Amino acid sequence: MLPSLFLSHGSPMLALTPTPAHEFLRELGRRLRPAAVVVVSAHWESRRLMVSTSERPETLHDFGGFPRALFECQYPAPGEPHLARRLARELNAVPVERGLDHGAWVPLSLMFPEADIPVVSLSLPTAWSNAELVALGEKLAALREENVLIVGSGSLTHDLMALDALEAPAPDWVTAFGDWVHERLAADDRDALLDWQAAPRARDNHPSPEHFQPLLVAMGAGGPAERLHHSVEHGVLAMDLYAFA
């Protein structure tokens, strides 16, 4: 049975730049062959839970200030309207037509570059508590038995105001938070993770919560965590990837 995954998607330039995280995602995709992907991205926030029923979701270039080559990237993976409508019923989610934001298509384009695996996007409900987000993952867990890959796409650390273009070593406040999360996940201490905002330097790494919250969905959808990859980009973006067996 497939694990659920939490992916740190970092900068949109991950799609084009052969960093360690870029190379790892390419290798990981060679080991997986799901029937479909259900992705919760930090870049689709909504008050109510929503699900995209698009048959051919467009590639959303929901960013600015990057090279033209990035805006020319397309990821024409099909949608899966039947699965999306089923999720709308089972989760009481609002069905909408929506494309794939960069939190979805950037990592998936590395894992599944042929764009031949259907993708269904779920929104990240901003009004939900941490416990409700874990419960959402628990409701999605049964899909893993149907060979559906559950993906939470965010970033283990995400203070864009502190980005370092020179790729300096990660500062202590990034390392302290990342180590705390890793230790809590390794111990399967879900109670502590439900209160992750109390972790060391949590607010410094996440001035807003949306890039950490997909981890809670992925955690709810699986069992014990295994860290598959760790690297840091731009000094402060920890690119950790966790699998929940």
Protein backbone atom coordinates (compact mmCIF):
# COMPACT_ATOMS: atom_id res chain seq x y z
CA MET A 1 0.00 0.00 0.00
CA LEU A 2 1.24 3.46 -0.84
CA PRO A 3 2.33 5.79 1.96
CA SER A 4 0.99 9.29 2.27
CA LEU A 5 3.61 11.97 1.62
CA PHE A 6 4.50 15.40 2.88
CA LEU A 7 6.57 17.27 0.30
CA SER A 8 8.41 20.55 0.82
CA HIS A 9 8.05 22.28 -2.53
CA GLY A 10 10.27 25.30 -1.81
CA SER A 11 10.66 27.88 -4.56
CA PRO A 12 8.87 27.36 -7.90
CA MET A 13 12.36 27.23 -9.43
CA LEU A 14 12.57 23.72 -7.97
CA ALA A 15 10.98 22.66 -11.27
CA LEU A 16 14.06 23.73 -13.23
CA THR A 17 16.99 23.76 -10.81
CA PRO A 18 18.84 20.46 -10.17
CA THR A 19 19.08 20.84 -6.39
CA PRO A 20 19.26 17.79 -4.08
CA ALA A 21 15.51 18.03 -3.49
CA HIS A 22 14.82 18.24 -7.25
CA GLU A 23 16.92 15.12 -7.88
CA PHE A 24 15.35 13.24 -4.98
CA LEU A 25 11.81 13.90 -6.20
CA ARG A 26 12.76 12.56 -9.63
CA GLU A 27 14.15 9.40 -8.06
CA LEU A 28 11.17 8.97 -5.73
CA GLY A 29 8.75 9.13 -8.64
CA ARG A 30 10.51 6.23 -10.32
CA ARG A 31 9.58 4.06 -7.32
CA LEU A 32 5.88 4.94 -7.27
CA ARG A 33 3.11 4.21 -9.72
CA PRO A 34 -0.21 5.36 -8.22
CA ALA A 35 -3.53 5.15 -9.99
CA ALA A 36 -4.17 8.79 -9.06
CA VAL A 37 -2.87 11.55 -6.79
CA VAL A 38 -4.92 13.58 -4.31
CA VAL A 39 -2.94 16.68 -3.34
CA VAL A 40 -3.51 19.31 -0.66
CA SER A 41 -1.35 22.35 -1.45
CA ALA A 42 -0.47 25.34 0.69
CA HIS A 43 -1.31 27.50 -2.33
CA TRP A 44 -5.03 26.74 -2.46
CA GLU A 45 -6.55 28.19 0.68
CA SER A 46 -10.29 28.46 1.17
CA ARG A 47 -12.70 28.90 4.03
CA ARG A 48 -14.66 25.72 3.21
CA LEU A 49 -13.14 22.50 1.95
CA MET A 50 -13.19 22.45 -1.86
CA VAL A 51 -12.27 19.84 -4.45
CA SER A 52 -11.36 20.40 -8.08
CA THR A 53 -13.46 18.41 -10.54
CA SER A 54 -11.57 19.67 -13.59
CA GLU A 55 -11.14 17.07 -16.30
CA ARG A 56 -8.10 18.87 -17.71
CA PRO A 57 -6.73 21.16 -14.98
CA GLU A 58 -4.64 24.01 -16.33
CA THR A 59 -1.13 24.73 -15.09
CA LEU A 60 -1.38 27.79 -12.84
CA HIS A 61 1.64 30.10 -12.79
CA ASP A 62 0.62 31.65 -9.50
CA PHE A 63 3.84 33.54 -8.84
CA GLY A 64 5.86 36.45 -10.19
CA GLY A 65 9.42 37.60 -10.73
CA PHE A 66 10.82 34.35 -12.10
CA PRO A 67 12.47 33.56 -15.45
CA ARG A 68 10.34 33.19 -18.57
CA ALA A 69 11.27 29.50 -18.76
CA LEU A 70 9.31 28.84 -15.59
CA PHE A 71 6.18 30.48 -16.98
CA GLU A 72 6.52 28.32 -20.07
CA CYS A 73 6.37 25.12 -18.01
CA GLN A 74 3.19 23.13 -18.51
CA TYR A 75 2.03 20.07 -16.60
CA PRO A 76 -0.93 18.63 -18.53
CA ALA A 77 -1.82 15.83 -16.12
CA PRO A 78 -5.49 14.86 -16.40
CA GLY A 79 -7.97 15.33 -13.59
CA GLU A 80 -10.16 12.55 -12.23
CA PRO A 81 -13.69 14.00 -12.07
CA HIS A 82 -15.27 10.74 -10.86
CA LEU A 83 -12.93 10.56 -7.86
CA ALA A 84 -13.34 14.29 -7.24
CA ARG A 85 -17.14 14.06 -7.16
CA ARG A 86 -16.88 11.09 -4.81
CA LEU A 87 -14.66 13.11 -2.47
CA ALA A 88 -17.09 16.01 -2.64
CA ARG A 89 -19.84 13.71 -1.37
CA GLU A 90 -17.80 11.87 1.24
CA LEU A 91 -16.07 14.96 2.63
CA ASN A 92 -18.91 17.43 2.19
CA ALA A 93 -16.58 19.47 0.01
CA VAL A 94 -17.57 22.10 -2.54
CA PRO A 95 -16.88 20.93 -6.13
CA VAL A 96 -15.21 23.58 -8.30
CA GLU A 97 -13.24 23.81 -11.53
CA ARG A 98 -9.63 24.72 -10.74
CA GLY A 99 -6.17 24.19 -12.18
CA LEU A 100 -3.01 22.95 -10.49
CA ASP A 101 -1.15 25.59 -8.47
CA HIS A 102 2.63 25.47 -8.25
CA GLY A 103 2.54 23.68 -4.90
CA ALA A 104 0.94 20.80 -6.79
CA TRP A 105 2.45 20.80 -10.28
CA VAL A 106 6.05 21.66 -9.44
CA PRO A 107 6.79 18.56 -7.31
CA LEU A 108 4.50 16.30 -9.33
CA SER A 109 6.18 17.32 -12.59
CA LEU A 110 9.44 16.02 -11.15
CA MET A 111 7.97 12.82 -9.75
CA PHE A 112 5.77 11.98 -12.73
CA PRO A 113 7.19 13.92 -15.69
CA GLU A 114 5.06 12.09 -18.25
CA ALA A 115 1.97 13.80 -16.74
CA ASP A 116 0.04 10.58 -17.20
CA ILE A 117 -1.27 10.12 -13.64
CA PRO A 118 -4.58 11.83 -12.81
CA VAL A 119 -4.45 14.54 -10.15
CA VAL A 120 -7.27 15.78 -7.90
CA SER A 121 -6.68 18.91 -5.80
CA LEU A 122 -8.22 19.53 -2.39
CA SER A 123 -8.11 22.97 -0.84
CA LEU A 124 -6.61 23.83 2.53
CA PRO A 125 -9.46 25.09 4.75
CA THR A 126 -8.09 28.09 6.62
CA ALA A 127 -10.78 28.02 9.31
CA TRP A 128 -10.02 24.45 10.38
CA SER A 129 -8.10 23.52 13.50
CA ASN A 130 -5.00 21.34 13.47
CA ALA A 131 -7.08 18.44 14.76
CA GLU A 132 -9.61 18.89 11.93
CA LEU A 133 -6.83 18.81 9.36
CA VAL A 134 -5.49 15.55 10.80
CA ALA A 135 -9.05 14.19 10.72
CA LEU A 136 -9.28 15.13 7.03
CA GLY A 137 -6.19 13.02 6.42
CA GLU A 138 -7.75 10.14 8.33
CA LYS A 139 -10.78 10.29 6.03
CA LEU A 140 -8.50 10.17 2.99
CA ALA A 141 -6.47 7.22 4.32
CA ALA A 142 -8.75 4.57 2.80
CA LEU A 143 -7.80 5.81 -0.68
CA ARG A 144 -4.32 4.42 -0.15
CA GLU A 145 -5.82 0.91 -0.40
CA GLU A 146 -7.04 1.90 -3.88
CA ASN A 147 -3.49 2.83 -4.95
CA VAL A 148 -4.20 6.57 -4.63
CA LEU A 149 -1.26 8.66 -3.45
CA ILE A 150 -2.15 11.25 -0.80
CA VAL A 151 0.20 14.25 -0.92
CA GLY A 152 0.45 17.26 1.37
CA SER A 153 2.57 19.91 -0.34
CA GLY A 154 3.99 22.72 1.77
CA SER A 155 7.37 23.49 3.32
CA LEU A 156 8.89 22.35 6.57
CA THR A 157 10.14 25.91 7.08
CA HIS A 158 8.86 28.93 5.20
CA ASP A 159 9.98 32.45 6.10
CA LEU A 160 10.27 34.10 2.68
CA MET A 161 11.43 37.38 4.21
CA ALA A 162 14.65 35.65 5.29
CA LEU A 163 15.58 34.02 1.97
CA ASP A 164 19.30 33.97 1.29
CA ALA A 165 20.20 34.05 -2.39
CA LEU A 166 23.73 32.94 -1.56
CA GLU A 167 22.59 29.62 -0.07
CA ALA A 168 24.19 30.27 3.34
CA PRO A 169 24.03 27.48 5.93
CA ALA A 170 20.70 27.24 7.73
CA PRO A 171 20.57 29.50 10.79
CA ASP A 172 20.00 28.05 14.26
CA TRP A 173 16.36 29.08 14.34
CA VAL A 174 15.62 27.03 11.21
CA THR A 175 17.54 24.03 12.50
CA ALA A 176 15.87 24.17 15.93
CA PHE A 177 12.38 24.00 14.47
CA GLY A 178 13.25 21.35 11.88
CA ASP A 179 14.91 19.17 14.52
CA TRP A 180 11.89 19.50 16.81
CA VAL A 181 9.51 18.40 14.04
CA HIS A 182 11.74 15.50 13.09
CA GLU A 183 12.03 14.30 16.69
CA ARG A 184 8.28 14.50 17.24
CA LEU A 185 7.55 12.65 14.01
CA ALA A 186 10.16 9.99 14.76
CA ALA A 187 8.49 9.43 18.14
CA ASP A 188 5.00 9.47 16.54
CA ASP A 189 4.12 12.18 19.07
CA ARG A 190 1.00 13.42 17.35
CA ASP A 191 -0.28 15.27 20.39
CA ALA A 192 2.79 17.51 20.30
CA LEU A 193 2.39 18.06 16.55
CA LEU A 194 -1.20 19.14 17.05
CA ASP A 195 0.31 22.00 19.05
CA TRP A 196 3.18 22.63 16.63
CA GLN A 197 2.86 26.41 16.97
CA ALA A 198 4.38 25.99 20.47
CA ALA A 199 7.54 24.42 19.04
CA PRO A 200 10.88 26.26 19.27
CA ARG A 201 10.96 29.17 16.79
CA ALA A 202 7.72 28.05 15.14
CA ARG A 203 6.52 31.59 14.42
CA ASP A 204 9.90 32.55 12.95
CA ASN A 205 9.73 29.67 10.48
CA HIS A 206 6.02 29.99 9.76
CA PRO A 207 4.75 33.57 10.06
CA SER A 208 1.53 32.09 8.65
CA PRO A 209 0.57 28.42 9.03
CA GLU A 210 -0.43 27.32 5.53
CA HIS A 211 2.89 25.75 4.54
CA PHE A 212 3.03 23.54 7.63
CA GLN A 213 -0.62 22.47 7.65
CA PRO A 214 -0.38 20.03 4.68
CA LEU A 215 1.93 17.95 6.87
CA LEU A 216 -0.96 17.44 9.31
CA VAL A 217 -3.18 16.12 6.50
CA ALA A 218 -0.47 13.74 5.30
CA MET A 219 0.16 12.59 8.88
CA GLY A 220 -3.52 11.84 9.39
CA ALA A 221 -3.62 9.81 6.19
CA GLY A 222 -0.80 7.47 7.24
CA GLY A 223 1.03 5.80 10.06
CA PRO A 224 4.52 6.28 11.51
CA ALA A 225 6.72 8.78 9.71
CA GLU A 226 9.99 8.22 7.89
CA ARG A 227 12.10 11.12 6.68
CA LEU A 228 13.13 10.31 3.13
CA HIS A 229 14.99 13.52 2.34
CA HIS A 230 16.49 16.54 4.07
CA SER A 231 18.19 19.54 2.50
CA VAL A 232 17.97 23.31 2.84
CA GLU A 233 17.60 25.80 0.00
CA HIS A 234 18.04 29.58 0.09
CA GLY A 235 19.31 29.30 3.65
CA VAL A 236 15.89 29.00 5.29
CA LEU A 237 13.71 26.62 3.22
CA ALA A 238 14.01 23.13 4.68
CA MET A 239 13.09 20.75 1.86
CA ASP A 240 12.25 17.75 4.05
CA LEU A 241 10.10 14.97 2.66
CA TYR A 242 8.27 12.54 4.93
CA ALA A 243 6.46 9.31 4.12
CA PHE A 244 3.72 8.08 6.45
CA ALA A 245 3.55 4.30 6.05
